[in-house]
N, C-alpha and C. Protein backbone atom coordinates (compact mmCIF):
# COMPACT_ATOMS: atom_id res chain seq x y z
N MET A 1 0.87 -1.09 0.11
CA MET A 1 0.08 -0.06 0.08
C MET A 1 0.92 1.19 0.07
N SER A 2 0.77 2.20 -0.93
CA SER A 2 1.58 3.27 -0.99
C SER A 2 0.77 4.46 -0.56
N GLN A 3 1.40 5.51 -0.05
CA GLN A 3 0.63 6.66 0.31
C GLN A 3 1.55 7.73 0.25
N SER A 4 1.07 9.16 0.24
CA SER A 4 1.83 10.25 0.24
C SER A 4 2.33 10.39 1.78
N THR A 5 3.43 11.05 1.92
CA THR A 5 4.02 11.31 3.23
C THR A 5 3.44 12.48 4.02
N GLU A 6 2.50 13.20 3.27
CA GLU A 6 1.92 14.47 3.84
C GLU A 6 1.21 14.23 5.06
N THR A 7 1.08 15.18 5.91
CA THR A 7 0.14 14.99 7.27
C THR A 7 -1.32 14.96 6.76
N VAL A 8 -2.01 14.19 7.41
CA VAL A 8 -3.49 14.05 6.88
C VAL A 8 -4.37 14.66 8.13
N ASP A 9 -5.09 15.76 7.80
CA ASP A 9 -5.82 16.33 8.79
C ASP A 9 -7.45 15.90 8.33
N LEU A 10 -8.32 16.32 9.38
CA LEU A 10 -9.66 15.79 9.03
C LEU A 10 -10.40 16.49 7.83
N LEU A 11 -9.81 17.49 7.25
CA LEU A 11 -10.39 18.14 6.19
C LEU A 11 -9.89 17.63 4.89
N THR A 12 -8.86 16.81 4.89
CA THR A 12 -8.19 16.23 3.56
C THR A 12 -9.04 15.30 2.92
N ASN A 13 -9.12 15.55 1.75
CA ASN A 13 -9.96 14.61 0.72
C ASN A 13 -9.01 13.35 0.58
N MET A 14 -9.70 12.22 0.94
CA MET A 14 -8.81 11.08 0.69
C MET A 14 -9.46 10.14 -0.43
N ALA A 15 -8.72 9.45 -1.30
CA ALA A 15 -8.91 8.64 -2.14
C ALA A 15 -8.27 7.32 -2.05
N LEU A 16 -8.94 6.09 -2.28
CA LEU A 16 -8.36 4.92 -2.29
C LEU A 16 -8.33 4.22 -3.68
N VAL A 17 -7.24 4.06 -4.38
CA VAL A 17 -7.13 3.47 -5.62
C VAL A 17 -6.71 1.94 -5.52
N GLY A 18 -7.59 1.04 -5.60
CA GLY A 18 -7.42 -0.23 -5.54
C GLY A 18 -7.28 -1.08 -6.85
N LEU A 19 -6.64 -0.41 -7.86
CA LEU A 19 -6.52 -1.13 -9.19
C LEU A 19 -5.34 -2.03 -9.17
N ASP A 20 -5.41 -3.16 -9.66
CA ASP A 20 -4.29 -4.08 -9.69
C ASP A 20 -3.49 -4.12 -11.04
N ASP A 21 -3.76 -3.21 -11.95
CA ASP A 21 -3.01 -2.92 -13.02
C ASP A 21 -2.14 -1.68 -12.73
N ALA A 22 -0.77 -1.78 -12.77
CA ALA A 22 0.05 -0.67 -12.08
C ALA A 22 -0.08 0.59 -13.09
N GLU A 23 -0.21 0.37 -14.32
CA GLU A 23 -0.37 1.43 -15.32
C GLU A 23 -1.65 2.42 -14.95
N PHE A 24 -2.59 1.62 -14.93
CA PHE A 24 -4.03 2.31 -14.69
C PHE A 24 -4.00 2.76 -13.40
N CYS A 25 -3.42 2.10 -12.24
CA CYS A 25 -3.37 2.68 -11.04
C CYS A 25 -2.60 4.04 -10.91
N GLU A 26 -1.37 4.16 -11.67
CA GLU A 26 -0.65 5.19 -11.70
C GLU A 26 -1.46 6.39 -12.23
N THR A 27 -2.10 6.21 -13.30
CA THR A 27 -2.89 7.12 -13.96
C THR A 27 -3.96 7.69 -13.24
N ALA A 28 -4.81 6.67 -12.43
CA ALA A 28 -6.01 7.18 -11.66
C ALA A 28 -5.29 7.96 -10.53
N VAL A 29 -4.20 7.72 -9.79
CA VAL A 29 -3.67 8.41 -8.83
C VAL A 29 -3.26 9.76 -9.22
N GLU A 30 -2.69 9.81 -10.56
CA GLU A 30 -2.24 11.23 -10.93
C GLU A 30 -3.71 12.15 -11.05
N ARG A 31 -4.68 11.52 -11.82
CA ARG A 31 -5.86 12.25 -11.98
C ARG A 31 -6.53 12.69 -10.82
N LEU A 32 -6.68 11.79 -9.80
CA LEU A 32 -7.25 12.14 -8.35
C LEU A 32 -6.52 13.12 -7.60
N THR A 33 -5.04 13.07 -7.76
CA THR A 33 -4.25 14.03 -7.11
C THR A 33 -4.56 15.47 -7.76
N SER A 34 -4.55 15.52 -9.10
CA SER A 34 -4.79 16.72 -9.64
C SER A 34 -6.15 17.35 -9.19
N MET A 35 -7.03 16.56 -8.78
CA MET A 35 -8.37 16.93 -8.30
C MET A 35 -8.28 17.46 -6.81
N GLY A 36 -7.19 17.08 -6.13
CA GLY A 36 -7.02 17.59 -4.73
C GLY A 36 -7.15 16.54 -3.62
N TYR A 37 -6.95 15.32 -4.29
CA TYR A 37 -7.11 14.18 -3.27
C TYR A 37 -5.81 13.72 -2.97
N LEU A 38 -5.61 13.23 -1.73
CA LEU A 38 -4.64 12.39 -1.14
C LEU A 38 -4.83 10.98 -1.43
N CYS A 39 -4.07 10.41 -2.18
CA CYS A 39 -4.23 9.00 -2.57
C CYS A 39 -3.44 7.86 -1.90
N HIS A 40 -4.07 6.96 -1.57
CA HIS A 40 -3.44 5.70 -0.99
C HIS A 40 -3.85 4.68 -2.14
N SER A 41 -2.82 3.96 -2.64
CA SER A 41 -3.08 2.89 -3.53
C SER A 41 -2.41 1.59 -3.40
N GLY A 42 -3.08 0.53 -3.84
CA GLY A 42 -2.59 -0.74 -3.74
C GLY A 42 -3.42 -1.81 -4.60
N GLY A 43 -3.08 -2.83 -4.89
CA GLY A 43 -3.65 -3.71 -5.81
C GLY A 43 -4.05 -5.17 -5.46
N VAL A 44 -3.71 -5.28 -3.88
CA VAL A 44 -4.10 -6.57 -3.21
C VAL A 44 -5.29 -6.25 -2.43
N GLN A 45 -6.15 -7.28 -2.58
CA GLN A 45 -7.47 -7.00 -1.70
C GLN A 45 -7.64 -7.00 -0.45
N THR A 46 -6.61 -7.77 0.35
CA THR A 46 -6.46 -7.73 1.72
C THR A 46 -5.78 -6.22 2.19
N ASP A 47 -4.91 -5.71 1.32
CA ASP A 47 -4.36 -4.33 1.70
C ASP A 47 -5.55 -3.32 1.55
N ILE A 48 -6.36 -3.28 0.49
CA ILE A 48 -7.38 -2.48 0.28
C ILE A 48 -8.45 -2.65 1.35
N LEU A 49 -8.84 -3.81 1.72
CA LEU A 49 -9.76 -4.00 3.00
C LEU A 49 -9.32 -3.43 4.06
N THR A 50 -8.09 -3.47 4.44
CA THR A 50 -7.46 -3.05 5.56
C THR A 50 -7.40 -1.63 5.68
N ALA A 51 -7.17 -1.15 4.48
CA ALA A 51 -7.10 0.36 4.42
C ALA A 51 -8.57 0.97 4.69
N MET A 52 -9.53 0.36 4.00
CA MET A 52 -10.94 0.85 4.11
C MET A 52 -11.44 0.65 5.64
N ARG A 53 -10.99 -0.22 6.40
CA ARG A 53 -11.22 -0.37 7.80
C ARG A 53 -10.53 0.62 8.56
N MET A 54 -9.59 1.09 8.28
CA MET A 54 -8.72 1.98 9.16
C MET A 54 -8.93 3.53 8.64
N GLN A 55 -9.43 3.85 7.67
CA GLN A 55 -9.60 5.31 7.08
C GLN A 55 -10.92 5.39 6.45
N ARG A 56 -11.53 6.52 6.40
CA ARG A 56 -12.68 6.95 5.67
C ARG A 56 -12.06 7.47 4.40
N TYR A 57 -12.52 7.18 3.38
CA TYR A 57 -12.21 7.61 2.09
C TYR A 57 -13.47 8.32 1.37
N GLN A 58 -13.32 9.45 0.74
CA GLN A 58 -14.19 10.00 -0.01
C GLN A 58 -14.46 9.48 -1.28
N ILE A 59 -13.32 8.99 -2.04
CA ILE A 59 -13.46 8.02 -3.24
C ILE A 59 -12.78 6.87 -3.06
N VAL A 60 -13.30 5.80 -3.64
CA VAL A 60 -12.86 4.41 -3.58
C VAL A 60 -12.90 3.82 -4.92
N LEU A 61 -11.94 3.54 -5.59
CA LEU A 61 -11.75 3.12 -7.01
C LEU A 61 -11.21 1.66 -7.07
N ILE A 62 -12.01 0.66 -7.53
CA ILE A 62 -11.50 -0.66 -7.59
C ILE A 62 -11.78 -1.36 -8.84
N PRO A 63 -11.16 -2.38 -9.09
CA PRO A 63 -11.53 -3.08 -10.37
C PRO A 63 -12.64 -3.98 -10.34
N GLU A 64 -13.30 -4.35 -11.36
CA GLU A 64 -14.43 -5.25 -11.48
C GLU A 64 -14.06 -6.45 -10.79
N ALA A 65 -12.85 -6.92 -11.21
CA ALA A 65 -12.39 -8.29 -10.67
C ALA A 65 -10.82 -8.13 -10.63
N TYR A 66 -10.30 -8.79 -9.49
CA TYR A 66 -8.91 -8.81 -9.41
C TYR A 66 -8.16 -9.82 -10.30
N VAL A 67 -6.87 -9.87 -10.53
CA VAL A 67 -6.39 -10.87 -11.40
C VAL A 67 -6.67 -12.31 -11.03
N ASN A 68 -7.06 -12.99 -11.84
CA ASN A 68 -7.40 -14.61 -11.58
C ASN A 68 -8.45 -14.69 -10.61
N THR A 69 -9.28 -13.81 -10.45
CA THR A 69 -10.34 -13.88 -9.52
C THR A 69 -11.74 -13.53 -10.23
N PRO A 70 -12.59 -14.40 -10.11
CA PRO A 70 -14.08 -13.96 -10.72
C PRO A 70 -14.61 -12.79 -10.04
N VAL A 71 -15.45 -12.03 -10.53
CA VAL A 71 -16.19 -10.97 -10.04
C VAL A 71 -16.83 -11.29 -8.63
N GLU A 72 -17.63 -12.57 -8.63
CA GLU A 72 -18.16 -12.88 -7.52
C GLU A 72 -17.33 -13.04 -6.14
N ALA A 73 -15.88 -13.12 -6.42
CA ALA A 73 -15.04 -13.34 -5.37
C ALA A 73 -14.33 -12.03 -5.10
N ASN A 74 -14.83 -10.77 -5.67
CA ASN A 74 -14.14 -9.54 -5.11
C ASN A 74 -14.49 -9.14 -3.89
N GLU A 75 -13.63 -9.58 -3.03
CA GLU A 75 -13.93 -9.19 -1.32
C GLU A 75 -14.15 -7.63 -1.18
N VAL A 76 -13.49 -6.84 -1.95
CA VAL A 76 -13.66 -5.46 -1.85
C VAL A 76 -15.10 -5.12 -2.14
N LEU A 77 -15.54 -5.50 -3.19
CA LEU A 77 -16.70 -5.10 -3.88
C LEU A 77 -17.91 -5.66 -2.82
N ASN A 78 -17.70 -6.82 -2.35
CA ASN A 78 -18.55 -7.40 -1.34
C ASN A 78 -18.58 -6.54 -0.03
N HIS A 79 -17.43 -6.24 0.29
CA HIS A 79 -17.43 -5.35 1.50
C HIS A 79 -18.14 -4.05 1.50
N ILE A 80 -18.00 -3.34 0.24
CA ILE A 80 -18.65 -2.11 0.10
C ILE A 80 -20.20 -2.20 0.05
N ALA A 81 -20.41 -3.35 -0.65
CA ALA A 81 -22.09 -3.80 -0.69
C ALA A 81 -22.61 -4.03 0.56
N ASP A 82 -21.70 -4.41 1.55
CA ASP A 82 -22.36 -4.66 2.94
C ASP A 82 -22.10 -3.49 3.90
N MET A 83 -21.48 -2.36 3.45
CA MET A 83 -21.43 -1.23 4.31
C MET A 83 -22.67 -0.64 4.65
N GLY A 84 -22.75 -0.09 5.92
CA GLY A 84 -23.97 0.64 6.42
C GLY A 84 -24.25 1.88 5.43
N SER A 85 -25.52 2.27 5.22
CA SER A 85 -25.99 3.40 4.48
C SER A 85 -25.29 4.69 4.81
N ASP A 86 -25.01 5.04 6.09
CA ASP A 86 -24.30 6.12 6.48
C ASP A 86 -23.08 6.34 5.93
N ALA A 87 -22.32 5.13 6.15
CA ALA A 87 -20.68 5.08 5.67
C ALA A 87 -20.83 5.33 4.17
N ARG A 88 -21.89 4.61 3.30
CA ARG A 88 -21.81 4.70 2.13
C ARG A 88 -22.19 6.02 1.40
N ARG A 89 -22.99 6.77 2.33
CA ARG A 89 -23.26 8.11 1.75
C ARG A 89 -22.05 8.95 1.74
N GLU A 90 -21.23 8.83 2.31
CA GLU A 90 -20.10 9.66 2.65
C GLU A 90 -18.91 9.36 1.63
N MET A 91 -19.11 8.19 0.83
CA MET A 91 -18.00 7.53 -0.03
C MET A 91 -18.50 7.50 -1.48
N PHE A 92 -17.82 8.02 -2.23
CA PHE A 92 -18.07 7.73 -3.88
C PHE A 92 -17.25 6.45 -4.36
N CYS A 93 -17.95 5.42 -4.67
CA CYS A 93 -17.16 4.28 -5.11
C CYS A 93 -17.55 4.04 -6.54
N ALA A 94 -16.39 3.69 -7.14
CA ALA A 94 -16.46 3.41 -8.63
C ALA A 94 -15.79 2.04 -8.81
N VAL A 95 -16.31 1.37 -9.92
CA VAL A 95 -15.65 -0.06 -10.32
C VAL A 95 -15.16 0.49 -11.74
N VAL A 96 -14.07 -0.19 -12.02
CA VAL A 96 -13.38 -0.03 -13.29
C VAL A 96 -13.41 -1.44 -13.95
N GLY A 97 -13.57 -1.55 -15.04
CA GLY A 97 -13.41 -2.90 -15.92
C GLY A 97 -13.51 -2.81 -17.45
N ASN A 98 -13.10 -3.73 -18.14
CA ASN A 98 -13.24 -3.70 -19.53
C ASN A 98 -14.49 -4.09 -20.08
N ARG A 99 -15.53 -4.60 -19.35
CA ARG A 99 -16.82 -5.11 -19.57
C ARG A 99 -17.99 -4.10 -19.32
N LEU A 100 -17.38 -3.07 -18.78
CA LEU A 100 -18.27 -2.00 -18.25
C LEU A 100 -18.44 -0.76 -19.09
N SER A 101 -19.55 -0.18 -19.10
CA SER A 101 -19.90 1.02 -20.00
C SER A 101 -19.76 2.35 -18.94
N THR A 102 -18.88 3.20 -19.27
CA THR A 102 -18.73 4.39 -18.23
C THR A 102 -20.02 4.99 -18.18
N GLY A 103 -20.44 5.27 -16.84
CA GLY A 103 -21.51 6.07 -16.54
C GLY A 103 -22.72 5.12 -16.53
N ASP A 104 -22.78 3.86 -16.92
CA ASP A 104 -23.99 3.03 -16.88
C ASP A 104 -24.58 2.81 -15.51
N GLU A 105 -25.92 3.58 -15.28
CA GLU A 105 -26.35 3.49 -13.97
C GLU A 105 -26.97 2.11 -13.73
N LEU A 106 -27.37 1.37 -14.46
CA LEU A 106 -27.94 0.06 -14.27
C LEU A 106 -26.76 -0.95 -13.80
N GLN A 107 -25.65 -0.85 -14.58
CA GLN A 107 -24.53 -1.59 -14.09
C GLN A 107 -23.97 -1.26 -12.84
N ALA A 108 -23.82 0.13 -12.38
CA ALA A 108 -23.48 0.67 -11.13
C ALA A 108 -24.37 0.13 -10.05
N PHE A 109 -25.61 0.25 -10.43
CA PHE A 109 -26.83 -0.34 -9.28
C PHE A 109 -26.55 -1.90 -9.03
N CYS A 110 -26.21 -2.59 -10.00
CA CYS A 110 -25.93 -4.20 -9.91
C CYS A 110 -24.72 -4.34 -9.11
N TYR A 111 -23.84 -3.45 -9.16
CA TYR A 111 -22.54 -3.61 -8.32
C TYR A 111 -22.72 -3.03 -7.05
N SER A 112 -23.74 -2.23 -6.63
CA SER A 112 -23.93 -1.45 -5.49
C SER A 112 -22.77 -0.41 -5.28
N VAL A 113 -22.56 0.19 -6.45
CA VAL A 113 -21.52 1.21 -6.48
C VAL A 113 -22.25 2.69 -7.09
N ASP A 114 -21.29 3.68 -6.95
CA ASP A 114 -22.02 4.98 -7.52
C ASP A 114 -21.75 5.10 -9.07
N MET A 115 -20.70 4.41 -9.51
CA MET A 115 -20.32 4.49 -10.95
C MET A 115 -19.54 3.51 -11.45
N VAL A 116 -19.69 3.10 -12.77
CA VAL A 116 -18.80 2.17 -13.38
C VAL A 116 -18.05 2.91 -14.43
N ILE A 117 -16.78 2.59 -14.67
CA ILE A 117 -15.98 3.16 -15.66
C ILE A 117 -15.26 2.29 -16.41
N HIS A 118 -15.40 2.36 -17.88
CA HIS A 118 -14.57 1.34 -18.69
C HIS A 118 -13.31 1.72 -18.64
N ILE A 119 -12.33 0.66 -18.61
CA ILE A 119 -10.91 0.91 -18.39
C ILE A 119 -10.32 1.78 -19.46
N SER A 120 -10.81 1.98 -20.34
CA SER A 120 -10.33 3.01 -21.43
C SER A 120 -10.50 4.29 -21.15
N ASP A 121 -11.21 4.80 -20.15
CA ASP A 121 -11.76 5.95 -19.80
C ASP A 121 -10.81 6.52 -18.49
N VAL A 122 -10.03 5.54 -17.94
CA VAL A 122 -9.14 5.89 -16.90
C VAL A 122 -8.35 7.18 -17.20
N ALA A 123 -7.97 7.36 -18.47
CA ALA A 123 -7.34 8.55 -18.78
C ALA A 123 -8.10 9.79 -18.74
N ASN A 124 -9.44 9.78 -18.70
CA ASN A 124 -10.32 10.80 -18.52
C ASN A 124 -11.17 10.71 -17.18
N LEU A 125 -10.35 10.04 -16.16
CA LEU A 125 -11.07 9.67 -14.88
C LEU A 125 -11.42 10.95 -14.08
N ASP A 126 -10.93 11.89 -14.16
CA ASP A 126 -11.24 13.25 -13.45
C ASP A 126 -12.65 13.62 -14.01
N GLN A 127 -12.84 13.64 -15.09
CA GLN A 127 -14.15 14.02 -15.84
C GLN A 127 -15.14 13.26 -15.48
N ALA A 128 -14.82 11.85 -15.42
CA ALA A 128 -16.00 10.79 -14.98
C ALA A 128 -16.19 11.04 -13.55
N ILE A 129 -15.31 11.11 -12.70
CA ILE A 129 -15.43 11.37 -11.27
C ILE A 129 -16.37 12.57 -11.24
N GLN A 130 -15.92 13.43 -11.57
CA GLN A 130 -16.90 14.76 -11.44
C GLN A 130 -18.23 14.64 -11.86
N LEU A 131 -18.45 13.89 -12.97
CA LEU A 131 -19.76 13.70 -13.39
C LEU A 131 -20.60 12.82 -12.45
N GLY A 132 -19.81 11.74 -11.89
CA GLY A 132 -20.31 10.83 -10.89
C GLY A 132 -20.67 11.52 -9.67
N LEU A 133 -19.86 12.43 -9.20
CA LEU A 133 -20.01 12.98 -7.83
C LEU A 133 -21.25 13.91 -8.02
N SER A 134 -21.31 14.68 -9.20
CA SER A 134 -22.50 15.44 -9.43
C SER A 134 -23.80 14.73 -9.31
N ARG A 135 -23.73 13.54 -9.95
CA ARG A 135 -25.00 12.73 -10.02
C ARG A 135 -25.26 12.19 -8.54
N LYS A 136 -24.33 11.91 -7.83
CA LYS A 136 -24.51 11.37 -6.34
C LYS A 136 -25.20 12.54 -5.50
N ARG A 137 -24.52 13.74 -5.69
CA ARG A 137 -25.11 14.70 -4.92
C ARG A 137 -26.60 15.01 -5.37
N GLU A 138 -26.95 14.93 -6.64
CA GLU A 138 -28.35 15.07 -6.96
C GLU A 138 -29.32 14.04 -6.34
N ARG A 139 -28.68 12.79 -6.18
CA ARG A 139 -29.55 11.74 -5.83
C ARG A 139 -29.86 11.81 -4.23
N LEU A 140 -28.69 12.18 -3.59
CA LEU A 140 -28.64 12.42 -2.08
C LEU A 140 -29.48 13.67 -1.63
N SER A 141 -29.56 14.74 -2.43
CA SER A 141 -30.36 15.80 -2.46
C SER A 141 -31.92 15.46 -2.46
N LEU A 142 -32.32 14.67 -3.37
CA LEU A 142 -33.60 14.09 -3.54
C LEU A 142 -33.79 13.27 -2.43
N PHE A 143 -32.98 12.34 -1.97
CA PHE A 143 -33.26 11.47 -0.89
C PHE A 143 -33.49 12.34 0.42
N SER A 144 -32.68 13.31 0.56
CA SER A 144 -32.83 14.09 1.89
C SER A 144 -34.10 14.84 1.83
N GLU A 145 -34.71 15.29 0.51
CA GLU A 145 -35.88 16.02 0.52
C GLU A 145 -36.95 14.92 0.86
N ILE A 146 -37.00 13.79 0.32
CA ILE A 146 -38.05 13.13 0.56
C ILE A 146 -37.98 12.57 1.97
N GLU A 147 -36.84 12.29 2.61
CA GLU A 147 -36.74 12.02 4.02
C GLU A 147 -37.27 13.08 4.92
N ARG A 148 -37.11 14.33 4.66
CA ARG A 148 -37.74 15.38 5.41
C ARG A 148 -39.30 15.46 5.29
N THR A 149 -39.62 15.13 3.96
CA THR A 149 -41.16 15.15 3.85
C THR A 149 -41.78 14.02 4.58
N VAL A 150 -41.28 12.90 4.63
CA VAL A 150 -41.71 11.76 5.45
C VAL A 150 -41.87 12.00 6.88
N GLU A 151 -40.75 12.72 7.30
CA GLU A 151 -40.48 13.10 8.70
C GLU A 151 -41.60 14.11 9.16
N ILE A 152 -42.19 14.85 8.33
CA ILE A 152 -43.06 15.90 8.55
C ILE A 152 -44.48 15.28 8.47
N GLU A 153 -44.81 14.44 7.88
CA GLU A 153 -46.02 13.98 7.74
C GLU A 153 -46.43 12.88 8.96
C-alpha cells in the first residue's frame, strides 16, 4: 500500500485506488491528485480491505475483478455492498473494468456502487469522477428531501 507522506488532517480529501494494473493505478492516482485528493493505492484485496477499515475515504476506485479472480470473489466489492448506508453516503465508489460502460447506472446499481468506468476511460478519470459526484449529490439531495417530507407527515 503506497501513500503520500503528507500530514493528513480531518479536512483532507482522501482517495483509495485499489486497481491491480500498475499503469492504470498510476494514471488514476495522477488524476485524483490533480483533483486535490490525497491518494492511497494498492492492488491486493487484503491491503485495500485493511485500508478501508482504518480510514474513511471520499473516493474508492476498484477493479471489477482482481487478477485471476471472478467478479463474485471480489472481497472489496462485497465489503462495499455490505457497508451501512451512513458510511456509503459519505463515500463515492467506482468500479473499473473492460466489460463496463462508463456512467451506466444500471451496471452501477448491480454492483452497489456509484459509478462504473470502462478501463479505456481511466485517462479521463477526473471528468468521469466529477460527473459521478454530481449525480450522487443530486440523488442524495432528492433522498434528503423525501426523508424530510416523510418526517413532517
